[in-house]
Amino acid sequence: MNGSDCATNLTWCASSVSSQERNEFFSQKPATLWLTGLSGAGKSTIAREFERQLIHAGHAVFVIDGDNLRQGLCKNLGFSPGDRSENIRRAAEVCKLLNEAGMLVIASFVAPYRADRAMAREIVGADQFIEVYVSTSLHVCEERDPKGLYKKARAGEIPNFTGVSAPFEEPLQPDLVLDTHRLSIDESVAYLWQVTEPYFVQH
């Protein structure tokens, strides 16, 4: 049996628990907040702080971080445009599954290509996909360089590095824009609360 046979002879196994039951159990409707932006923009820092606040407020939430995913599920992928696209596809499928479980998901990915982000929105579902552009400039991100990646990229040690030797296509119509050069982490998280509030179930 080849790969195409395996892919076509499958049936989705539906849960016996309805979406409404999950919403009532978690006191929330599922959603994916997709944070995109350059390395060093502050995506992961914002995601972790918002996750902490949501948990303390009694919500079921999980952060999907690009670096973490590449250490397991996507460890076989590089940084060519094709591999980047497959990385985002896998990430979006994980977000979709967690949403179907009733959870809020905060996804933190550079995701430099508009087509890949559009694919992620389609996989997750437009009605529960919130695109957040962490728009901090290349200059500021490179000054921060928390992991020393820009220095290595400028030295030619990291090929296909977004912002240096690979492009970043800015979102055209994001649901929210956060510039962490102007906004503090607390201010950025406050904006995330605002866009997420419609997904909280009021009793």
N, C-alpha and C. Protein backbone atom coordinates (compact mmCIF):
# COMPACT_ATOMS: atom_id res chain seq x y z
N MET A 1 0.86 -1.20 0.00
CA MET A 1 0.00 0.00 0.00
C MET A 1 0.89 1.24 0.00
N ASN A 2 0.66 2.14 -0.95
CA ASN A 2 1.48 3.34 -1.01
C ASN A 2 0.86 4.48 -0.21
N GLY A 3 1.56 5.62 -0.18
CA GLY A 3 1.11 6.76 0.62
C GLY A 3 -0.25 7.28 0.21
N SER A 4 -0.52 7.29 -1.11
CA SER A 4 -1.80 7.82 -1.57
C SER A 4 -2.95 6.93 -1.12
N ASP A 5 -2.72 5.60 -1.07
CA ASP A 5 -3.76 4.70 -0.59
C ASP A 5 -4.09 4.99 0.88
N CYS A 6 -3.04 5.20 1.67
CA CYS A 6 -3.25 5.49 3.10
C CYS A 6 -4.02 6.78 3.29
N ALA A 7 -3.75 7.76 2.43
CA ALA A 7 -4.36 9.08 2.59
C ALA A 7 -5.82 9.09 2.19
N THR A 8 -6.26 8.15 1.34
CA THR A 8 -7.62 8.19 0.83
C THR A 8 -8.57 7.25 1.56
N ASN A 9 -8.06 6.23 2.21
CA ASN A 9 -8.92 5.26 2.89
C ASN A 9 -9.03 5.55 4.37
N LEU A 10 -9.45 6.76 4.67
CA LEU A 10 -9.57 7.20 6.05
C LEU A 10 -10.94 7.82 6.29
N THR A 11 -11.41 7.73 7.52
CA THR A 11 -12.68 8.33 7.91
C THR A 11 -12.46 9.13 9.18
N TRP A 12 -12.93 10.39 9.19
CA TRP A 12 -12.80 11.22 10.39
C TRP A 12 -13.60 10.62 11.52
N CYS A 13 -12.98 10.51 12.68
CA CYS A 13 -13.64 9.95 13.86
C CYS A 13 -14.18 11.11 14.71
N ALA A 14 -15.47 11.31 14.63
CA ALA A 14 -16.09 12.44 15.33
C ALA A 14 -16.20 12.15 16.82
N SER A 15 -16.06 13.20 17.61
CA SER A 15 -16.18 13.07 19.06
C SER A 15 -17.64 12.92 19.47
N SER A 16 -17.85 12.24 20.58
CA SER A 16 -19.20 12.13 21.13
C SER A 16 -19.55 13.32 22.02
N VAL A 17 -18.57 14.21 22.19
CA VAL A 17 -18.78 15.43 22.98
C VAL A 17 -18.96 16.59 22.01
N SER A 18 -20.04 17.34 22.15
CA SER A 18 -20.34 18.42 21.23
C SER A 18 -19.50 19.66 21.54
N SER A 19 -19.39 20.54 20.55
CA SER A 19 -18.68 21.81 20.74
C SER A 19 -19.33 22.62 21.84
N GLN A 20 -20.65 22.61 21.90
CA GLN A 20 -21.37 23.36 22.92
C GLN A 20 -21.02 22.85 24.32
N GLU A 21 -20.93 21.53 24.46
CA GLU A 21 -20.56 20.95 25.76
C GLU A 21 -19.16 21.39 26.17
N ARG A 22 -18.24 21.42 25.21
CA ARG A 22 -16.88 21.86 25.52
C ARG A 22 -16.86 23.35 25.89
N ASN A 23 -17.63 24.15 25.13
CA ASN A 23 -17.68 25.58 25.44
C ASN A 23 -18.17 25.83 26.86
N GLU A 24 -19.19 25.08 27.25
CA GLU A 24 -19.74 25.25 28.60
C GLU A 24 -18.76 24.75 29.66
N PHE A 25 -18.06 23.67 29.36
CA PHE A 25 -17.11 23.11 30.32
C PHE A 25 -15.95 24.08 30.58
N PHE A 26 -15.40 24.67 29.48
CA PHE A 26 -14.25 25.55 29.61
C PHE A 26 -14.63 27.02 29.80
N SER A 27 -15.92 27.33 29.68
CA SER A 27 -16.39 28.72 29.75
C SER A 27 -15.71 29.60 28.70
N GLN A 28 -15.57 29.04 27.52
CA GLN A 28 -14.93 29.77 26.42
C GLN A 28 -15.25 29.08 25.11
N LYS A 29 -15.15 29.84 24.05
CA LYS A 29 -15.19 29.27 22.71
C LYS A 29 -13.75 29.19 22.19
N PRO A 30 -13.41 28.16 21.44
CA PRO A 30 -12.03 28.01 20.99
C PRO A 30 -11.64 29.07 19.98
N ALA A 31 -10.37 29.44 20.01
CA ALA A 31 -9.82 30.39 19.05
C ALA A 31 -8.32 30.20 18.99
N THR A 32 -7.73 30.62 17.87
CA THR A 32 -6.29 30.62 17.71
C THR A 32 -5.81 32.04 17.48
N LEU A 33 -4.99 32.53 18.39
CA LEU A 33 -4.33 33.82 18.20
C LEU A 33 -2.98 33.53 17.55
N TRP A 34 -2.84 33.97 16.31
CA TRP A 34 -1.63 33.66 15.55
C TRP A 34 -0.73 34.89 15.55
N LEU A 35 0.35 34.84 16.33
CA LEU A 35 1.30 35.95 16.43
C LEU A 35 2.39 35.77 15.39
N THR A 36 2.51 36.74 14.48
CA THR A 36 3.52 36.69 13.44
C THR A 36 4.38 37.95 13.51
N GLY A 37 5.63 37.83 13.11
CA GLY A 37 6.55 38.96 13.14
C GLY A 37 7.98 38.47 13.13
N LEU A 38 8.90 39.39 13.02
CA LEU A 38 10.31 39.03 12.94
C LEU A 38 10.83 38.39 14.22
N SER A 39 11.91 37.65 14.10
CA SER A 39 12.60 37.13 15.28
C SER A 39 13.03 38.30 16.15
N GLY A 40 12.76 38.21 17.44
CA GLY A 40 13.13 39.28 18.36
C GLY A 40 12.05 40.32 18.55
N ALA A 41 10.92 40.17 17.86
CA ALA A 41 9.84 41.16 17.99
C ALA A 41 9.15 41.09 19.35
N GLY A 42 9.21 39.93 19.98
CA GLY A 42 8.57 39.76 21.28
C GLY A 42 7.38 38.81 21.27
N LYS A 43 7.22 38.06 20.19
CA LYS A 43 6.07 37.17 20.05
C LYS A 43 5.98 36.17 21.20
N SER A 44 7.06 35.44 21.43
CA SER A 44 7.04 34.39 22.46
C SER A 44 6.86 34.97 23.86
N THR A 45 7.48 36.10 24.12
CA THR A 45 7.35 36.74 25.44
C THR A 45 5.91 37.15 25.69
N ILE A 46 5.28 37.75 24.70
CA ILE A 46 3.88 38.16 24.81
C ILE A 46 2.99 36.93 24.96
N ALA A 47 3.25 35.90 24.15
CA ALA A 47 2.44 34.69 24.19
C ALA A 47 2.49 34.04 25.56
N ARG A 48 3.67 33.93 26.14
CA ARG A 48 3.82 33.28 27.45
C ARG A 48 3.13 34.08 28.56
N GLU A 49 3.24 35.39 28.50
CA GLU A 49 2.59 36.21 29.53
C GLU A 49 1.08 36.14 29.41
N PHE A 50 0.57 36.17 28.18
CA PHE A 50 -0.88 36.08 28.00
C PHE A 50 -1.39 34.70 28.42
N GLU A 51 -0.62 33.66 28.10
CA GLU A 51 -0.98 32.32 28.54
C GLU A 51 -1.08 32.26 30.07
N ARG A 52 -0.10 32.84 30.75
CA ARG A 52 -0.09 32.83 32.21
C ARG A 52 -1.32 33.53 32.78
N GLN A 53 -1.66 34.69 32.21
CA GLN A 53 -2.82 35.43 32.69
C GLN A 53 -4.13 34.69 32.41
N LEU A 54 -4.23 34.07 31.25
CA LEU A 54 -5.43 33.31 30.92
C LEU A 54 -5.61 32.12 31.86
N ILE A 55 -4.52 31.40 32.14
CA ILE A 55 -4.59 30.26 33.06
C ILE A 55 -5.04 30.72 34.44
N HIS A 56 -4.48 31.81 34.91
CA HIS A 56 -4.84 32.32 36.24
C HIS A 56 -6.28 32.80 36.28
N ALA A 57 -6.83 33.14 35.11
CA ALA A 57 -8.23 33.57 35.04
C ALA A 57 -9.18 32.38 34.82
N GLY A 58 -8.61 31.17 34.80
CA GLY A 58 -9.42 29.97 34.72
C GLY A 58 -9.71 29.46 33.32
N HIS A 59 -8.91 29.87 32.34
CA HIS A 59 -9.13 29.45 30.97
C HIS A 59 -8.17 28.33 30.55
N ALA A 60 -8.62 27.51 29.61
CA ALA A 60 -7.80 26.43 29.07
C ALA A 60 -7.08 26.96 27.84
N VAL A 61 -5.77 27.06 27.91
CA VAL A 61 -4.99 27.69 26.85
C VAL A 61 -3.63 27.01 26.74
N PHE A 62 -3.06 27.04 25.51
CA PHE A 62 -1.72 26.48 25.32
C PHE A 62 -1.01 27.27 24.24
N VAL A 63 0.30 27.50 24.44
CA VAL A 63 1.12 28.20 23.46
C VAL A 63 1.79 27.18 22.54
N ILE A 64 1.65 27.38 21.25
CA ILE A 64 2.40 26.62 20.25
C ILE A 64 3.51 27.53 19.74
N ASP A 65 4.74 27.20 20.08
CA ASP A 65 5.89 28.04 19.74
C ASP A 65 6.67 27.41 18.59
N GLY A 66 7.08 28.24 17.64
CA GLY A 66 7.78 27.75 16.47
C GLY A 66 9.04 26.98 16.79
N ASP A 67 9.85 27.49 17.71
CA ASP A 67 11.09 26.80 18.08
C ASP A 67 10.80 25.44 18.71
N ASN A 68 9.77 25.38 19.55
CA ASN A 68 9.42 24.12 20.20
C ASN A 68 8.95 23.08 19.18
N LEU A 69 8.14 23.52 18.24
CA LEU A 69 7.61 22.59 17.25
C LEU A 69 8.72 22.01 16.39
N ARG A 70 9.73 22.82 16.12
CA ARG A 70 10.85 22.36 15.28
C ARG A 70 11.79 21.39 16.03
N GLN A 71 11.60 21.22 17.32
CA GLN A 71 12.39 20.25 18.06
C GLN A 71 11.73 18.89 18.13
N GLY A 72 10.50 18.80 17.57
CA GLY A 72 9.79 17.53 17.59
C GLY A 72 9.07 17.28 16.29
N LEU A 73 7.82 17.70 16.21
CA LEU A 73 6.98 17.44 15.06
C LEU A 73 7.60 17.90 13.74
N CYS A 74 8.30 19.02 13.78
CA CYS A 74 8.86 19.58 12.54
C CYS A 74 10.39 19.55 12.50
N LYS A 75 11.00 18.65 13.24
CA LYS A 75 12.46 18.63 13.32
C LYS A 75 13.11 18.22 12.00
N ASN A 76 12.35 17.64 11.10
CA ASN A 76 12.90 17.22 9.81
C ASN A 76 12.81 18.32 8.75
N LEU A 77 12.35 19.50 9.12
CA LEU A 77 12.17 20.58 8.16
C LEU A 77 13.26 21.63 8.27
N GLY A 78 13.65 22.19 7.12
CA GLY A 78 14.61 23.27 7.09
C GLY A 78 13.91 24.61 6.97
N PHE A 79 14.56 25.56 6.29
CA PHE A 79 14.02 26.91 6.21
C PHE A 79 13.87 27.39 4.77
N SER A 80 13.81 26.46 3.84
CA SER A 80 13.47 26.82 2.47
C SER A 80 12.01 27.25 2.44
N PRO A 81 11.57 27.97 1.42
CA PRO A 81 10.15 28.35 1.34
C PRO A 81 9.21 27.15 1.45
N GLY A 82 9.57 26.04 0.80
CA GLY A 82 8.73 24.85 0.87
C GLY A 82 8.66 24.26 2.26
N ASP A 83 9.79 24.20 2.94
CA ASP A 83 9.82 23.67 4.31
C ASP A 83 9.10 24.61 5.27
N ARG A 84 9.26 25.89 5.06
CA ARG A 84 8.54 26.86 5.90
C ARG A 84 7.03 26.67 5.76
N SER A 85 6.59 26.47 4.54
CA SER A 85 5.17 26.28 4.29
C SER A 85 4.65 25.02 4.98
N GLU A 86 5.41 23.94 4.90
CA GLU A 86 5.01 22.70 5.55
C GLU A 86 5.03 22.85 7.07
N ASN A 87 5.98 23.61 7.59
CA ASN A 87 6.03 23.89 9.02
C ASN A 87 4.75 24.59 9.50
N ILE A 88 4.31 25.57 8.73
CA ILE A 88 3.10 26.30 9.09
C ILE A 88 1.87 25.42 8.93
N ARG A 89 1.85 24.58 7.91
CA ARG A 89 0.70 23.67 7.74
C ARG A 89 0.56 22.75 8.94
N ARG A 90 1.67 22.17 9.36
CA ARG A 90 1.62 21.27 10.52
C ARG A 90 1.19 22.04 11.77
N ALA A 91 1.74 23.22 11.95
CA ALA A 91 1.38 24.03 13.12
C ALA A 91 -0.10 24.35 13.14
N ALA A 92 -0.64 24.71 11.98
CA ALA A 92 -2.06 25.05 11.90
C ALA A 92 -2.94 23.84 12.20
N GLU A 93 -2.50 22.67 11.76
CA GLU A 93 -3.27 21.46 12.05
C GLU A 93 -3.28 21.16 13.54
N VAL A 94 -2.16 21.42 14.21
CA VAL A 94 -2.12 21.24 15.67
C VAL A 94 -3.05 22.24 16.35
N CYS A 95 -3.02 23.48 15.89
CA CYS A 95 -3.92 24.50 16.45
C CYS A 95 -5.38 24.09 16.27
N LYS A 96 -5.69 23.58 15.10
CA LYS A 96 -7.06 23.15 14.81
C LYS A 96 -7.50 22.05 15.77
N LEU A 97 -6.64 21.06 16.00
CA LEU A 97 -6.98 19.97 16.91
C LEU A 97 -7.20 20.47 18.33
N LEU A 98 -6.34 21.37 18.79
CA LEU A 98 -6.49 21.92 20.13
C LEU A 98 -7.76 22.75 20.23
N ASN A 99 -8.09 23.49 19.17
CA ASN A 99 -9.35 24.23 19.14
C ASN A 99 -10.53 23.28 19.22
N GLU A 100 -10.45 22.17 18.49
CA GLU A 100 -11.55 21.20 18.52
C GLU A 100 -11.69 20.57 19.90
N ALA A 101 -10.60 20.56 20.67
CA ALA A 101 -10.67 20.08 22.05
C ALA A 101 -11.27 21.13 22.97
N GLY A 102 -11.51 22.34 22.44
CA GLY A 102 -12.14 23.40 23.22
C GLY A 102 -11.18 24.43 23.76
N MET A 103 -9.89 24.31 23.44
CA MET A 103 -8.88 25.18 24.03
C MET A 103 -8.63 26.44 23.22
N LEU A 104 -8.17 27.46 23.91
CA LEU A 104 -7.60 28.63 23.26
C LEU A 104 -6.15 28.32 22.94
N VAL A 105 -5.70 28.75 21.76
CA VAL A 105 -4.32 28.51 21.35
C VAL A 105 -3.66 29.84 21.01
N ILE A 106 -2.44 30.01 21.49
CA ILE A 106 -1.62 31.16 21.09
C ILE A 106 -0.46 30.60 20.29
N ALA A 107 -0.43 30.91 19.01
CA ALA A 107 0.62 30.41 18.12
C ALA A 107 1.65 31.50 17.88
N SER A 108 2.91 31.19 18.12
CA SER A 108 3.99 32.17 17.95
C SER A 108 4.94 31.69 16.86
N PHE A 109 4.82 32.29 15.67
CA PHE A 109 5.61 31.88 14.52
C PHE A 109 6.03 33.09 13.71
N VAL A 110 7.26 33.08 13.19
CA VAL A 110 7.66 34.13 12.25
C VAL A 110 6.71 34.11 11.06
N ALA A 111 6.47 32.95 10.48
CA ALA A 111 5.52 32.77 9.38
C ALA A 111 5.63 33.92 8.37
N PRO A 112 6.74 34.02 7.63
CA PRO A 112 7.02 35.22 6.86
C PRO A 112 6.18 35.41 5.59
N TYR A 113 5.49 34.36 5.12
CA TYR A 113 4.79 34.47 3.84
C TYR A 113 3.28 34.59 4.02
N ARG A 114 2.69 35.54 3.32
CA ARG A 114 1.24 35.76 3.41
C ARG A 114 0.46 34.52 3.02
N ALA A 115 0.92 33.83 1.98
CA ALA A 115 0.19 32.64 1.53
C ALA A 115 0.14 31.57 2.61
N ASP A 116 1.22 31.43 3.36
CA ASP A 116 1.24 30.42 4.43
C ASP A 116 0.31 30.82 5.57
N ARG A 117 0.28 32.11 5.89
CA ARG A 117 -0.63 32.56 6.95
C ARG A 117 -2.09 32.42 6.51
N ALA A 118 -2.35 32.66 5.23
CA ALA A 118 -3.70 32.46 4.71
C ALA A 118 -4.08 30.98 4.78
N MET A 119 -3.13 30.10 4.49
CA MET A 119 -3.36 28.67 4.61
C MET A 119 -3.69 28.30 6.05
N ALA A 120 -2.95 28.87 7.00
CA ALA A 120 -3.21 28.58 8.42
C ALA A 120 -4.61 29.03 8.81
N ARG A 121 -5.01 30.19 8.33
CA ARG A 121 -6.36 30.69 8.63
C ARG A 121 -7.42 29.73 8.07
N GLU A 122 -7.19 29.24 6.86
CA GLU A 122 -8.15 28.32 6.24
C GLU A 122 -8.23 27.01 7.01
N ILE A 123 -7.09 26.48 7.44
CA ILE A 123 -7.07 25.22 8.17
C ILE A 123 -7.78 25.36 9.51
N VAL A 124 -7.44 26.40 10.25
CA VAL A 124 -8.03 26.60 11.58
C VAL A 124 -9.50 26.98 11.47
N GLY A 125 -9.82 27.79 10.47
CA GLY A 125 -11.18 28.31 10.31
C GLY A 125 -11.18 29.81 10.56
N ALA A 126 -11.64 30.57 9.58
CA ALA A 126 -11.57 32.03 9.65
C ALA A 126 -12.32 32.60 10.85
N ASP A 127 -13.38 31.91 11.29
CA ASP A 127 -14.20 32.44 12.38
C ASP A 127 -13.52 32.33 13.73
N GLN A 128 -12.43 31.56 13.82
CA GLN A 128 -11.74 31.45 15.11
C GLN A 128 -10.23 31.66 14.97
N PHE A 129 -9.83 32.35 13.91
CA PHE A 129 -8.43 32.66 13.67
C PHE A 129 -8.22 34.16 13.81
N ILE A 130 -7.34 34.56 14.73
CA ILE A 130 -7.05 35.97 14.98
C ILE A 130 -5.60 36.22 14.64
N GLU A 131 -5.35 36.97 13.57
CA GLU A 131 -3.98 37.25 13.15
C GLU A 131 -3.46 38.50 13.87
N VAL A 132 -2.38 38.32 14.62
CA VAL A 132 -1.78 39.41 15.38
C VAL A 132 -0.39 39.67 14.80
N TYR A 133 -0.21 40.87 14.28
CA TYR A 133 1.08 41.24 13.70
C TYR A 133 1.92 41.98 14.74
N VAL A 134 2.96 41.35 15.21
CA VAL A 134 3.90 42.01 16.12
C VAL A 134 4.89 42.74 15.21
N SER A 135 4.60 44.03 15.00
CA SER A 135 5.19 44.77 13.88
C SER A 135 6.52 45.46 14.19
N THR A 136 7.16 45.08 15.25
CA THR A 136 8.42 45.70 15.65
C THR A 136 9.42 45.66 14.50
N SER A 137 10.08 46.79 14.26
CA SER A 137 10.92 46.95 13.07
C SER A 137 12.16 46.04 13.11
N LEU A 138 12.72 45.80 11.93
CA LEU A 138 13.95 45.01 11.82
C LEU A 138 15.06 45.65 12.63
N HIS A 139 15.17 46.97 12.59
CA HIS A 139 16.23 47.67 13.32
C HIS A 139 16.15 47.38 14.81
N VAL A 140 14.95 47.46 15.37
CA VAL A 140 14.77 47.21 16.80
C VAL A 140 15.02 45.74 17.12
N CYS A 141 14.49 44.84 16.29
CA CYS A 141 14.69 43.41 16.53
C CYS A 141 16.17 43.04 16.48
N GLU A 142 16.88 43.65 15.53
CA GLU A 142 18.29 43.34 15.40
C GLU A 142 19.10 43.93 16.55
N GLU A 143 18.69 45.05 17.07
CA GLU A 143 19.35 45.61 18.26
C GLU A 143 19.17 44.71 19.46
N ARG A 144 17.97 44.14 19.60
CA ARG A 144 17.71 43.24 20.72
C ARG A 144 18.49 41.93 20.55
N ASP A 145 18.29 41.29 19.41
CA ASP A 145 18.96 40.03 19.04
C ASP A 145 19.12 39.10 20.25
N PRO A 146 18.02 38.71 20.91
CA PRO A 146 18.12 37.97 22.18
C PRO A 146 18.82 36.61 22.05
N LYS A 147 18.76 36.01 20.87
CA LYS A 147 19.38 34.69 20.68
C LYS A 147 20.67 34.77 19.87
N GLY A 148 21.09 35.98 19.51
CA GLY A 148 22.30 36.14 18.71
C GLY A 148 22.16 35.67 17.28
N LEU A 149 20.90 35.55 16.80
CA LEU A 149 20.67 35.01 15.47
C LEU A 149 20.99 36.01 14.37
N TYR A 150 20.68 37.28 14.60
CA TYR A 150 20.96 38.28 13.57
C TYR A 150 22.47 38.41 13.35
N LYS A 151 23.22 38.37 14.43
CA LYS A 151 24.67 38.45 14.32
C LYS A 151 25.20 37.30 13.47
N LYS A 152 24.69 36.10 13.72
CA LYS A 152 25.11 34.93 12.94
C LYS A 152 24.66 35.04 11.49
N ALA A 153 23.42 35.56 11.29
CA ALA A 153 22.91 35.70 9.93
C ALA A 153 23.72 36.72 9.14
N ARG A 154 24.10 37.83 9.78
CA ARG A 154 24.91 38.84 9.10
C ARG A 154 26.30 38.30 8.76
N ALA A 155 26.75 37.35 9.55
CA ALA A 155 28.06 36.75 9.30
C ALA A 155 27.98 35.61 8.29
N GLY A 156 26.78 35.34 7.79
CA GLY A 156 26.60 34.29 6.82
C GLY A 156 26.52 32.89 7.40
N GLU A 157 26.36 32.82 8.72
CA GLU A 157 26.32 31.51 9.38
C GLU A 157 24.93 30.88 9.36
N ILE A 158 23.89 31.70 9.12
CA ILE A 158 22.52 31.18 9.06
C ILE A 158 21.93 31.59 7.72
N PRO A 159 21.74 30.65 6.80
CA PRO A 159 21.12 30.98 5.51
C PRO A 159 19.61 31.13 5.64
N ASN A 160 19.00 31.82 4.70
CA ASN A 160 17.54 31.98 4.64
C ASN A 160 16.97 32.52 5.95
N PHE A 161 17.65 33.51 6.52
CA PHE A 161 17.18 34.08 7.79
C PHE A 161 16.26 35.27 7.50
N THR A 162 15.04 35.20 8.01
CA THR A 162 14.03 36.21 7.72
C THR A 162 14.48 37.59 8.18
N GLY A 163 14.37 38.54 7.28
CA GLY A 163 14.75 39.92 7.57
C GLY A 163 16.16 40.25 7.12
N VAL A 164 16.98 39.23 6.92
CA VAL A 164 18.37 39.43 6.50
C VAL A 164 18.58 38.86 5.10
N SER A 165 18.41 37.55 4.95
CA SER A 165 18.61 36.92 3.65
C SER A 165 17.35 36.26 3.11
N ALA A 166 16.24 36.46 3.79
CA ALA A 166 14.95 35.96 3.34
C ALA A 166 13.89 37.01 3.66
N PRO A 167 12.84 37.11 2.87
CA PRO A 167 11.86 38.20 3.03
C PRO A 167 10.87 37.95 4.15
N PHE A 168 10.27 39.04 4.62
CA PHE A 168 9.10 38.96 5.48
C PHE A 168 7.99 39.77 4.83
N GLU A 169 6.88 39.12 4.52
CA GLU A 169 5.74 39.78 3.89
C GLU A 169 4.78 40.24 4.98
N GLU A 170 4.71 41.53 5.18
CA GLU A 170 3.85 42.07 6.25
C GLU A 170 2.38 41.74 6.00
N PRO A 171 1.64 41.42 7.06
CA PRO A 171 0.20 41.19 6.90
C PRO A 171 -0.49 42.44 6.34
N LEU A 172 -1.43 42.24 5.44
CA LEU A 172 -2.13 43.36 4.82
C LEU A 172 -3.31 43.82 5.67
N GLN A 173 -4.01 42.88 6.29
CA GLN A 173 -5.18 43.22 7.11
C GLN A 173 -5.20 42.37 8.38
N PRO A 174 -4.21 42.57 9.25
CA PRO A 174 -4.21 41.80 10.50
C PRO A 174 -5.36 42.23 11.40
N ASP A 175 -5.75 41.34 12.29
CA ASP A 175 -6.82 41.66 13.24
C ASP A 175 -6.33 42.58 14.34
N LEU A 176 -5.02 42.56 14.60
CA LEU A 176 -4.42 43.40 15.63
C LEU A 176 -2.96 43.63 15.29
N VAL A 177 -2.48 44.85 15.54
CA VAL A 177 -1.07 45.19 15.34
C VAL A 177 -0.46 45.60 16.67
N LEU A 178 0.68 44.99 17.02
CA LEU A 178 1.39 45.33 18.25
C LEU A 178 2.82 45.70 17.90
N ASP A 179 3.23 46.90 18.26
CA ASP A 179 4.62 47.32 18.07
C ASP A 179 5.28 47.36 19.44
N THR A 180 6.10 46.35 19.73
CA THR A 180 6.67 46.25 21.07
C THR A 180 7.81 47.24 21.31
N HIS A 181 8.16 48.03 20.30
CA HIS A 181 9.07 49.14 20.55
C HIS A 181 8.32 50.28 21.23
N ARG A 182 7.03 50.34 20.97
CA ARG A 182 6.18 51.40 21.54
C ARG A 182 5.36 50.90 22.73
N LEU A 183 4.97 49.62 22.69
CA LEU A 183 4.12 49.05 23.72
C LEU A 183 4.91 48.15 24.66
N SER A 184 4.59 48.21 25.94
CA SER A 184 5.19 47.28 26.89
C SER A 184 4.52 45.91 26.75
N ILE A 185 5.09 44.92 27.40
CA ILE A 185 4.50 43.59 27.38
C ILE A 185 3.09 43.63 27.97
N ASP A 186 2.93 44.33 29.10
CA ASP A 186 1.61 44.41 29.74
C ASP A 186 0.60 45.10 28.83
N GLU A 187 1.03 46.14 28.13
CA GLU A 187 0.12 46.83 27.22
C GLU A 187 -0.26 45.94 26.04
N SER A 188 0.71 45.19 25.53
CA SER A 188 0.44 44.28 24.42
C SER A 188 -0.55 43.20 24.85
N VAL A 189 -0.35 42.65 26.03
CA VAL A 189 -1.26 41.62 26.54
C VAL A 189 -2.66 42.19 26.76
N ALA A 190 -2.74 43.42 27.19
CA ALA A 190 -4.05 44.06 27.39
C ALA A 190 -4.83 44.12 26.08
N TYR A 191 -4.14 44.39 24.99
CA TYR A 191 -4.79 44.39 23.67
C TYR A 191 -5.24 42.98 23.29
N LEU A 192 -4.45 41.97 23.64
CA LEU A 192 -4.85 40.60 23.35
C LEU A 192 -6.11 40.21 24.12
N TRP A 193 -6.22 40.68 25.34
CA TRP A 193 -7.44 40.44 26.11
C TRP A 193 -8.65 41.00 25.36
N GLN A 194 -8.51 42.18 24.79
CA GLN A 194 -9.62 42.83 24.10
C GLN A 194 -10.10 42.02 22.89
N VAL A 195 -9.15 41.53 22.08
CA VAL A 195 -9.56 40.79 20.88
C VAL A 195 -10.05 39.38 21.21
N THR A 196 -9.67 38.87 22.39
CA THR A 196 -10.06 37.52 22.78
C THR A 196 -11.38 37.50 23.55
N GLU A 197 -11.75 38.61 24.12
CA GLU A 197 -12.94 38.67 24.98
C GLU A 197 -14.21 38.10 24.34
N PRO A 198 -14.45 38.32 23.04
CA PRO A 198 -15.68 37.73 22.45
C PRO A 198 -15.74 36.21 22.52
N TYR A 199 -14.62 35.56 22.80
CA TYR A 199 -14.61 34.10 22.84
C TYR A 199 -14.86 33.55 24.24
N PHE A 200 -15.00 34.41 25.22
CA PHE A 200 -15.28 33.97 26.56
C PHE A 200 -16.79 33.83 26.76
N VAL A 201 -17.22 32.70 27.31
CA VAL A 201 -18.63 32.41 27.51
C VAL A 201 -19.10 33.08 28.80
N GLN A 202 -20.14 33.88 28.68
CA GLN A 202 -20.69 34.56 29.85
C GLN A 202 -21.82 33.73 30.44
N HIS A 203 -21.75 33.52 31.74
CA HIS A 203 -22.80 32.72 32.42
C HIS A 203 -23.80 33.67 33.08
